[in-house]
């Protein structure tokens, strides 16, 4: 059994000429929403074994809030600079290359890639995932490279 969680970062400061896009922080409302979503997630799901995040400030801040809620060590969050502004195919390929010993992974990133990657795995076109939305997908398989049709999926928002 493999569980995959795609998360769009929480609500951040709007585009602003004074702040580079990669440095946009979460708003207070985004911080609160991330805490709320973490609680909703834990009502149905166990904490992931691995959390991977974009290096953008808003994604890292979302990852930290979620990991603290999950009692997942913040120091173990894996930062992947390529997630920022990547094509969704990068995320798809990354998933297929996960170590088969891992059973649950959470990826925190940005639209449109995070939504398109989730759509790819659930075999259904999703509207854009809202800020701090999580697509939770479960597969009946022992290997990430063999995942095909999901056994189950839900969206937490």
N, C-alpha and C. Protein backbone atom coordinates (compact mmCIF):
# COMPACT_ATOMS: atom_id res chain seq x y z
N UNK A 1 0.85 -1.18 0.00
CA UNK A 1 0.00 0.00 0.00
C UNK A 1 0.89 1.24 0.00
N UNK A 2 0.60 2.17 -0.89
CA UNK A 2 1.34 3.43 -0.98
C UNK A 2 0.34 4.59 -0.87
N UNK A 3 0.72 5.60 -0.09
CA UNK A 3 -0.10 6.81 0.05
C UNK A 3 0.71 8.01 -0.40
N UNK A 4 0.07 8.82 -1.22
CA UNK A 4 0.71 9.99 -1.82
C UNK A 4 -0.16 11.21 -1.54
N UNK A 5 0.48 12.28 -1.08
CA UNK A 5 -0.25 13.49 -0.73
C UNK A 5 0.36 14.68 -1.46
N UNK A 6 -0.44 15.32 -2.30
CA UNK A 6 -0.02 16.53 -2.99
C UNK A 6 -0.64 17.72 -2.28
N UNK A 7 0.18 18.68 -1.87
CA UNK A 7 -0.28 19.85 -1.12
C UNK A 7 0.13 21.12 -1.86
N UNK A 8 -0.84 22.00 -2.04
CA UNK A 8 -0.49 23.33 -2.53
C UNK A 8 -0.18 24.18 -1.30
N UNK A 9 0.86 24.99 -1.38
CA UNK A 9 1.22 25.88 -0.26
C UNK A 9 0.02 26.68 0.19
N UNK A 10 0.07 27.15 1.43
CA UNK A 10 -1.02 27.94 1.99
C UNK A 10 -0.99 29.38 1.45
N UNK A 11 -1.98 30.16 1.83
CA UNK A 11 -2.18 31.52 1.32
C UNK A 11 -1.00 32.43 1.68
N UNK A 12 -0.43 33.06 0.65
CA UNK A 12 0.76 33.89 0.82
C UNK A 12 0.51 35.32 0.38
N UNK A 13 1.46 36.17 0.74
CA UNK A 13 1.47 37.56 0.30
C UNK A 13 1.33 37.60 -1.22
N UNK A 14 0.49 38.48 -1.71
CA UNK A 14 0.31 38.64 -3.15
C UNK A 14 1.59 39.11 -3.81
N UNK A 15 1.63 38.92 -5.14
CA UNK A 15 2.78 39.43 -5.90
C UNK A 15 3.01 40.89 -5.53
N UNK A 16 4.27 41.21 -5.32
CA UNK A 16 4.62 42.54 -4.85
C UNK A 16 6.00 42.86 -5.40
N UNK A 17 6.15 44.02 -6.01
CA UNK A 17 7.43 44.39 -6.61
C UNK A 17 8.56 44.43 -5.60
N UNK A 18 8.23 44.66 -4.31
CA UNK A 18 9.25 44.77 -3.27
C UNK A 18 9.74 43.40 -2.77
N UNK A 19 8.98 42.33 -3.10
CA UNK A 19 9.33 41.00 -2.60
C UNK A 19 9.40 40.03 -3.78
N UNK A 20 10.54 39.39 -3.96
CA UNK A 20 10.66 38.40 -5.03
C UNK A 20 9.66 37.28 -4.79
N UNK A 21 9.14 36.70 -5.86
CA UNK A 21 8.13 35.65 -5.76
C UNK A 21 8.57 34.52 -4.84
N UNK A 22 9.79 34.09 -4.96
CA UNK A 22 10.28 32.96 -4.17
C UNK A 22 10.34 33.28 -2.67
N UNK A 23 10.33 34.55 -2.33
CA UNK A 23 10.43 34.98 -0.92
C UNK A 23 9.10 35.39 -0.31
N UNK A 24 7.99 35.20 -1.03
CA UNK A 24 6.69 35.61 -0.49
C UNK A 24 6.32 34.75 0.72
N UNK A 25 6.07 35.36 1.89
CA UNK A 25 5.71 34.59 3.10
C UNK A 25 4.21 34.30 3.17
N UNK A 26 3.87 33.40 4.07
CA UNK A 26 2.46 33.13 4.33
C UNK A 26 1.83 34.32 5.04
N UNK A 27 0.56 34.54 4.75
CA UNK A 27 -0.23 35.52 5.49
C UNK A 27 -0.71 34.87 6.78
N UNK A 28 -1.17 35.69 7.73
CA UNK A 28 -1.69 35.14 8.99
C UNK A 28 -2.82 34.15 8.72
N UNK A 29 -3.69 34.50 7.77
CA UNK A 29 -4.79 33.59 7.41
C UNK A 29 -4.27 32.28 6.82
N UNK A 30 -3.18 32.35 6.08
CA UNK A 30 -2.57 31.14 5.52
C UNK A 30 -1.98 30.25 6.59
N UNK A 31 -1.40 30.86 7.62
CA UNK A 31 -0.85 30.10 8.74
C UNK A 31 -1.98 29.37 9.46
N UNK A 32 -3.07 30.08 9.72
CA UNK A 32 -4.21 29.47 10.42
C UNK A 32 -4.83 28.35 9.58
N UNK A 33 -4.96 28.58 8.26
CA UNK A 33 -5.54 27.55 7.41
C UNK A 33 -4.67 26.30 7.39
N UNK A 34 -3.35 26.46 7.35
CA UNK A 34 -2.46 25.30 7.35
C UNK A 34 -2.63 24.48 8.63
N UNK A 35 -2.78 25.16 9.76
CA UNK A 35 -3.00 24.45 11.04
C UNK A 35 -4.32 23.70 11.01
N UNK A 36 -5.35 24.34 10.47
CA UNK A 36 -6.68 23.71 10.38
C UNK A 36 -6.63 22.49 9.46
N UNK A 37 -6.01 22.64 8.30
CA UNK A 37 -5.92 21.54 7.33
C UNK A 37 -5.13 20.37 7.92
N UNK A 38 -4.08 20.67 8.68
CA UNK A 38 -3.29 19.61 9.33
C UNK A 38 -4.18 18.79 10.25
N UNK A 39 -5.03 19.45 11.02
CA UNK A 39 -5.96 18.74 11.91
C UNK A 39 -6.94 17.87 11.14
N UNK A 40 -7.49 18.40 10.05
CA UNK A 40 -8.42 17.63 9.22
C UNK A 40 -7.71 16.42 8.60
N UNK A 41 -6.49 16.61 8.15
CA UNK A 41 -5.71 15.53 7.57
C UNK A 41 -5.51 14.40 8.59
N UNK A 42 -5.12 14.76 9.81
CA UNK A 42 -4.82 13.75 10.83
C UNK A 42 -6.06 12.99 11.32
N UNK A 43 -7.23 13.51 11.04
CA UNK A 43 -8.46 12.79 11.41
C UNK A 43 -8.61 11.50 10.60
N UNK A 44 -8.00 11.45 9.41
CA UNK A 44 -8.17 10.29 8.52
C UNK A 44 -6.87 9.62 8.11
N UNK A 45 -5.76 10.33 8.26
CA UNK A 45 -4.49 9.84 7.72
C UNK A 45 -3.38 9.90 8.76
N UNK A 46 -2.44 8.99 8.65
CA UNK A 46 -1.25 9.04 9.49
C UNK A 46 -0.26 10.03 8.89
N UNK A 47 0.63 10.51 9.71
CA UNK A 47 1.67 11.42 9.21
C UNK A 47 2.48 10.71 8.13
N UNK A 48 2.88 11.44 7.10
CA UNK A 48 3.69 10.81 6.05
C UNK A 48 5.09 10.46 6.56
N UNK A 49 5.69 9.49 5.90
CA UNK A 49 7.06 9.08 6.26
C UNK A 49 8.09 10.05 5.70
N UNK A 50 7.73 10.76 4.65
CA UNK A 50 8.63 11.73 4.03
C UNK A 50 7.82 12.94 3.59
N UNK A 51 8.35 14.12 3.90
CA UNK A 51 7.77 15.38 3.42
C UNK A 51 8.82 16.06 2.54
N UNK A 52 8.39 16.41 1.33
CA UNK A 52 9.26 17.10 0.37
C UNK A 52 8.60 18.43 0.05
N UNK A 53 9.40 19.50 0.03
CA UNK A 53 8.85 20.83 -0.23
C UNK A 53 9.69 21.59 -1.24
N UNK A 54 9.01 22.45 -1.97
CA UNK A 54 9.68 23.47 -2.77
C UNK A 54 10.50 24.34 -1.83
N UNK A 55 11.51 25.01 -2.36
CA UNK A 55 12.32 25.91 -1.56
C UNK A 55 11.69 27.30 -1.38
N UNK A 56 10.61 27.59 -2.09
CA UNK A 56 9.96 28.89 -1.95
C UNK A 56 9.47 29.06 -0.51
N UNK A 57 9.61 30.27 0.01
CA UNK A 57 9.29 30.52 1.42
C UNK A 57 7.88 30.06 1.79
N UNK A 58 6.88 30.34 0.95
CA UNK A 58 5.50 29.98 1.29
C UNK A 58 5.31 28.48 1.37
N UNK A 59 6.02 27.72 0.53
CA UNK A 59 5.93 26.26 0.58
C UNK A 59 6.66 25.73 1.81
N UNK A 60 7.85 26.26 2.09
CA UNK A 60 8.61 25.81 3.27
C UNK A 60 7.85 26.12 4.55
N UNK A 61 7.24 27.30 4.63
CA UNK A 61 6.47 27.64 5.83
C UNK A 61 5.27 26.71 5.98
N UNK A 62 4.62 26.37 4.89
CA UNK A 62 3.51 25.41 4.93
C UNK A 62 4.03 24.05 5.41
N UNK A 63 5.16 23.62 4.87
CA UNK A 63 5.76 22.34 5.26
C UNK A 63 6.08 22.31 6.75
N UNK A 64 6.61 23.39 7.26
CA UNK A 64 6.96 23.45 8.69
C UNK A 64 5.71 23.35 9.56
N UNK A 65 4.67 24.08 9.21
CA UNK A 65 3.42 24.03 9.99
C UNK A 65 2.85 22.61 9.98
N UNK A 66 2.79 22.00 8.80
CA UNK A 66 2.25 20.64 8.70
C UNK A 66 3.12 19.66 9.48
N UNK A 67 4.43 19.74 9.30
CA UNK A 67 5.31 18.78 9.97
C UNK A 67 5.21 18.90 11.48
N UNK A 68 5.14 20.12 11.99
CA UNK A 68 5.00 20.30 13.45
C UNK A 68 3.68 19.70 13.93
N UNK A 69 2.62 19.86 13.16
CA UNK A 69 1.32 19.27 13.52
C UNK A 69 1.36 17.75 13.49
N UNK A 70 2.19 17.20 12.62
CA UNK A 70 2.30 15.74 12.47
C UNK A 70 3.36 15.13 13.40
N UNK A 71 4.04 15.96 14.19
CA UNK A 71 5.19 15.51 14.99
C UNK A 71 6.28 14.91 14.11
N UNK A 72 6.42 15.49 12.95
CA UNK A 72 7.46 15.09 11.99
C UNK A 72 8.61 16.06 12.17
N UNK A 73 9.83 15.59 12.31
CA UNK A 73 10.96 16.50 12.55
C UNK A 73 11.16 17.49 11.39
N UNK A 74 11.12 18.76 11.70
CA UNK A 74 11.29 19.81 10.69
C UNK A 74 12.63 19.62 9.97
N UNK A 75 13.63 19.17 10.68
CA UNK A 75 14.96 18.98 10.08
C UNK A 75 14.97 17.89 9.01
N UNK A 76 13.94 17.06 8.98
CA UNK A 76 13.88 15.98 7.99
C UNK A 76 13.08 16.34 6.74
N UNK A 77 12.54 17.56 6.69
CA UNK A 77 11.84 18.00 5.48
C UNK A 77 12.88 18.06 4.36
N UNK A 78 12.58 17.42 3.27
CA UNK A 78 13.48 17.43 2.11
C UNK A 78 13.11 18.60 1.21
N UNK A 79 14.06 19.49 0.96
CA UNK A 79 13.83 20.65 0.11
C UNK A 79 14.32 20.35 -1.30
N UNK A 80 13.43 20.54 -2.26
CA UNK A 80 13.76 20.30 -3.67
C UNK A 80 13.54 21.59 -4.45
N UNK A 81 14.62 22.25 -4.84
CA UNK A 81 14.51 23.52 -5.56
C UNK A 81 13.85 23.38 -6.91
N UNK A 82 13.87 22.19 -7.48
CA UNK A 82 13.29 22.00 -8.81
C UNK A 82 11.76 21.99 -8.80
N UNK A 83 11.16 21.81 -7.63
CA UNK A 83 9.69 21.82 -7.55
C UNK A 83 9.15 23.21 -7.88
N UNK A 84 9.88 24.24 -7.50
CA UNK A 84 9.46 25.62 -7.77
C UNK A 84 9.43 25.83 -9.29
N UNK A 85 8.26 26.12 -9.81
CA UNK A 85 8.05 26.38 -11.25
C UNK A 85 8.33 25.18 -12.16
N UNK A 86 8.25 23.98 -11.62
CA UNK A 86 8.49 22.80 -12.46
C UNK A 86 7.25 22.45 -13.30
N UNK A 87 7.47 21.65 -14.29
CA UNK A 87 6.38 21.05 -15.06
C UNK A 87 5.89 19.85 -14.25
N UNK A 88 4.61 19.54 -14.34
CA UNK A 88 4.08 18.44 -13.53
C UNK A 88 4.77 17.11 -13.81
N UNK A 89 5.31 16.93 -14.99
CA UNK A 89 5.97 15.66 -15.32
C UNK A 89 7.18 15.42 -14.42
N UNK A 90 7.80 16.48 -13.93
CA UNK A 90 8.91 16.32 -12.98
C UNK A 90 8.41 15.64 -11.70
N UNK A 91 7.25 16.06 -11.21
CA UNK A 91 6.69 15.46 -9.99
C UNK A 91 6.29 14.01 -10.23
N UNK A 92 5.71 13.73 -11.38
CA UNK A 92 5.31 12.37 -11.72
C UNK A 92 6.53 11.45 -11.73
N UNK A 93 7.59 11.89 -12.39
CA UNK A 93 8.81 11.09 -12.46
C UNK A 93 9.43 10.91 -11.08
N UNK A 94 9.42 11.96 -10.27
CA UNK A 94 9.96 11.90 -8.91
C UNK A 94 9.24 10.84 -8.09
N UNK A 95 7.91 10.80 -8.20
CA UNK A 95 7.12 9.80 -7.46
C UNK A 95 7.52 8.39 -7.89
N UNK A 96 7.65 8.16 -9.18
CA UNK A 96 8.00 6.83 -9.67
C UNK A 96 9.38 6.37 -9.21
N UNK A 97 10.22 7.30 -8.80
CA UNK A 97 11.58 6.96 -8.37
C UNK A 97 11.74 6.84 -6.84
N UNK A 98 10.65 7.03 -6.08
CA UNK A 98 10.75 6.88 -4.63
C UNK A 98 11.20 5.48 -4.26
N UNK A 99 11.95 5.38 -3.19
CA UNK A 99 12.39 4.10 -2.65
C UNK A 99 11.16 3.27 -2.27
N UNK A 100 11.15 2.01 -2.65
CA UNK A 100 9.97 1.17 -2.39
C UNK A 100 9.73 0.95 -0.91
N UNK A 101 10.74 1.21 -0.06
CA UNK A 101 10.56 1.07 1.39
C UNK A 101 9.66 2.16 1.96
N UNK A 102 9.57 3.29 1.27
CA UNK A 102 8.67 4.37 1.70
C UNK A 102 7.24 3.99 1.37
N UNK A 103 6.34 4.21 2.31
CA UNK A 103 4.94 3.89 2.07
C UNK A 103 4.05 5.13 1.95
N UNK A 104 4.54 6.28 2.44
CA UNK A 104 3.71 7.49 2.36
C UNK A 104 4.60 8.72 2.21
N UNK A 105 4.25 9.54 1.23
CA UNK A 105 5.04 10.73 0.91
C UNK A 105 4.11 11.91 0.66
N UNK A 106 4.52 13.07 1.19
CA UNK A 106 3.79 14.32 0.97
C UNK A 106 4.70 15.27 0.20
N UNK A 107 4.16 15.86 -0.87
CA UNK A 107 4.90 16.83 -1.69
C UNK A 107 4.17 18.17 -1.60
N UNK A 108 4.90 19.21 -1.21
CA UNK A 108 4.32 20.54 -1.07
C UNK A 108 4.90 21.44 -2.15
N UNK A 109 4.00 21.98 -2.98
CA UNK A 109 4.47 22.77 -4.11
C UNK A 109 3.47 23.80 -4.55
N UNK A 110 3.44 24.03 -5.86
CA UNK A 110 2.75 25.17 -6.44
C UNK A 110 1.87 24.74 -7.62
N UNK A 111 0.84 25.54 -7.85
CA UNK A 111 0.06 25.38 -9.08
C UNK A 111 0.84 25.97 -10.24
N UNK A 112 0.68 25.48 -11.44
CA UNK A 112 -0.24 24.42 -11.84
C UNK A 112 0.31 23.00 -11.65
N UNK A 113 1.61 22.86 -11.43
CA UNK A 113 2.23 21.52 -11.41
C UNK A 113 1.61 20.60 -10.36
N UNK A 114 1.34 21.11 -9.16
CA UNK A 114 0.84 20.24 -8.08
C UNK A 114 -0.54 19.69 -8.44
N UNK A 115 -1.38 20.53 -9.04
CA UNK A 115 -2.72 20.10 -9.45
C UNK A 115 -2.64 19.11 -10.61
N UNK A 116 -1.82 19.41 -11.60
CA UNK A 116 -1.71 18.53 -12.76
C UNK A 116 -1.12 17.18 -12.39
N UNK A 117 -0.15 17.16 -11.48
CA UNK A 117 0.43 15.88 -11.03
C UNK A 117 -0.62 15.06 -10.30
N UNK A 118 -1.38 15.69 -9.42
CA UNK A 118 -2.45 14.97 -8.72
C UNK A 118 -3.47 14.44 -9.73
N UNK A 119 -3.85 15.25 -10.70
CA UNK A 119 -4.79 14.81 -11.74
C UNK A 119 -4.25 13.60 -12.49
N UNK A 120 -2.97 13.62 -12.78
CA UNK A 120 -2.34 12.50 -13.47
C UNK A 120 -2.54 11.20 -12.70
N UNK A 121 -2.31 11.23 -11.40
CA UNK A 121 -2.37 10.01 -10.60
C UNK A 121 -3.80 9.55 -10.28
N UNK A 122 -4.74 10.49 -10.19
CA UNK A 122 -6.11 10.05 -9.90
C UNK A 122 -6.90 9.77 -11.17
N UNK A 123 -6.29 10.06 -12.31
CA UNK A 123 -6.92 9.80 -13.62
C UNK A 123 -8.19 10.62 -13.80
N UNK A 124 -8.15 11.84 -13.29
CA UNK A 124 -9.31 12.72 -13.35
C UNK A 124 -8.81 14.16 -13.37
N UNK A 125 -9.38 14.99 -14.21
CA UNK A 125 -8.94 16.38 -14.27
C UNK A 125 -9.52 17.17 -13.11
N UNK A 126 -8.63 17.79 -12.34
CA UNK A 126 -9.05 18.61 -11.21
C UNK A 126 -9.00 20.08 -11.60
N UNK A 127 -9.89 20.88 -10.99
CA UNK A 127 -9.71 22.33 -11.07
C UNK A 127 -8.48 22.64 -10.24
N UNK A 128 -7.98 23.84 -10.36
CA UNK A 128 -6.81 24.20 -9.57
C UNK A 128 -7.05 23.93 -8.09
N UNK A 129 -6.09 23.27 -7.48
CA UNK A 129 -6.13 23.00 -6.06
C UNK A 129 -6.04 24.33 -5.32
N UNK A 130 -6.94 24.57 -4.36
CA UNK A 130 -6.88 25.85 -3.63
C UNK A 130 -5.68 25.87 -2.68
N UNK A 131 -5.36 27.06 -2.20
CA UNK A 131 -4.24 27.15 -1.27
C UNK A 131 -4.48 26.23 -0.07
N UNK A 132 -3.45 25.51 0.27
CA UNK A 132 -3.41 24.52 1.35
C UNK A 132 -4.37 23.34 1.14
N UNK A 133 -4.81 23.14 -0.08
CA UNK A 133 -5.58 21.95 -0.39
C UNK A 133 -4.65 20.74 -0.47
N UNK A 134 -5.16 19.59 -0.06
CA UNK A 134 -4.37 18.36 -0.12
C UNK A 134 -5.14 17.31 -0.91
N UNK A 135 -4.49 16.72 -1.91
CA UNK A 135 -5.05 15.58 -2.61
C UNK A 135 -4.39 14.34 -2.00
N UNK A 136 -5.21 13.49 -1.39
CA UNK A 136 -4.74 12.27 -0.72
C UNK A 136 -5.08 11.09 -1.63
N UNK A 137 -4.06 10.31 -1.99
CA UNK A 137 -4.24 9.22 -2.95
C UNK A 137 -3.63 7.95 -2.36
N UNK A 138 -4.37 6.84 -2.46
CA UNK A 138 -3.85 5.56 -1.98
C UNK A 138 -3.86 4.55 -3.12
N UNK A 139 -2.76 3.80 -3.21
CA UNK A 139 -2.59 2.79 -4.26
C UNK A 139 -2.34 1.43 -3.62
N UNK A 140 -2.91 0.39 -4.21
CA UNK A 140 -2.65 -0.99 -3.77
C UNK A 140 -1.48 -1.54 -4.57
N UNK A 141 -0.28 -1.28 -4.08
CA UNK A 141 0.92 -1.73 -4.75
C UNK A 141 2.07 -1.73 -3.76
N UNK A 142 3.13 -2.41 -4.09
CA UNK A 142 4.31 -2.44 -3.23
C UNK A 142 5.42 -1.54 -3.75
N UNK A 143 5.25 -0.98 -4.93
CA UNK A 143 6.32 -0.24 -5.57
C UNK A 143 5.79 1.06 -6.18
N UNK A 144 6.54 2.13 -6.02
CA UNK A 144 6.13 3.42 -6.59
C UNK A 144 6.18 3.41 -8.11
N UNK A 145 7.10 2.66 -8.67
CA UNK A 145 7.19 2.67 -10.13
C UNK A 145 6.04 1.92 -10.78
N UNK A 146 5.29 1.18 -9.98
CA UNK A 146 4.17 0.43 -10.52
C UNK A 146 2.81 1.04 -10.24
N UNK A 147 2.77 2.24 -9.66
CA UNK A 147 1.45 2.80 -9.33
C UNK A 147 0.70 3.16 -10.61
N UNK A 148 -0.57 2.80 -10.60
CA UNK A 148 -1.40 3.09 -11.77
C UNK A 148 -2.73 3.65 -11.32
N UNK A 149 -3.69 2.81 -11.12
CA UNK A 149 -5.02 3.27 -10.75
C UNK A 149 -5.15 3.37 -9.24
N UNK A 150 -5.61 4.50 -8.75
CA UNK A 150 -5.73 4.66 -7.30
C UNK A 150 -6.87 3.79 -6.75
N UNK A 151 -6.65 3.31 -5.56
CA UNK A 151 -7.70 2.57 -4.84
C UNK A 151 -8.68 3.56 -4.23
N UNK A 152 -8.16 4.73 -3.90
CA UNK A 152 -8.95 5.73 -3.18
C UNK A 152 -8.28 7.10 -3.34
N UNK A 153 -9.10 8.14 -3.38
CA UNK A 153 -8.54 9.48 -3.26
C UNK A 153 -9.61 10.41 -2.66
N UNK A 154 -9.12 11.45 -2.04
CA UNK A 154 -9.99 12.51 -1.52
C UNK A 154 -9.23 13.82 -1.54
N UNK A 155 -9.97 14.89 -1.48
CA UNK A 155 -9.38 16.22 -1.43
C UNK A 155 -9.79 16.87 -0.12
N UNK A 156 -8.80 17.34 0.61
CA UNK A 156 -9.05 18.07 1.86
C UNK A 156 -8.77 19.53 1.57
N UNK A 157 -9.78 20.37 1.83
CA UNK A 157 -9.58 21.81 1.61
C UNK A 157 -10.35 22.63 2.62
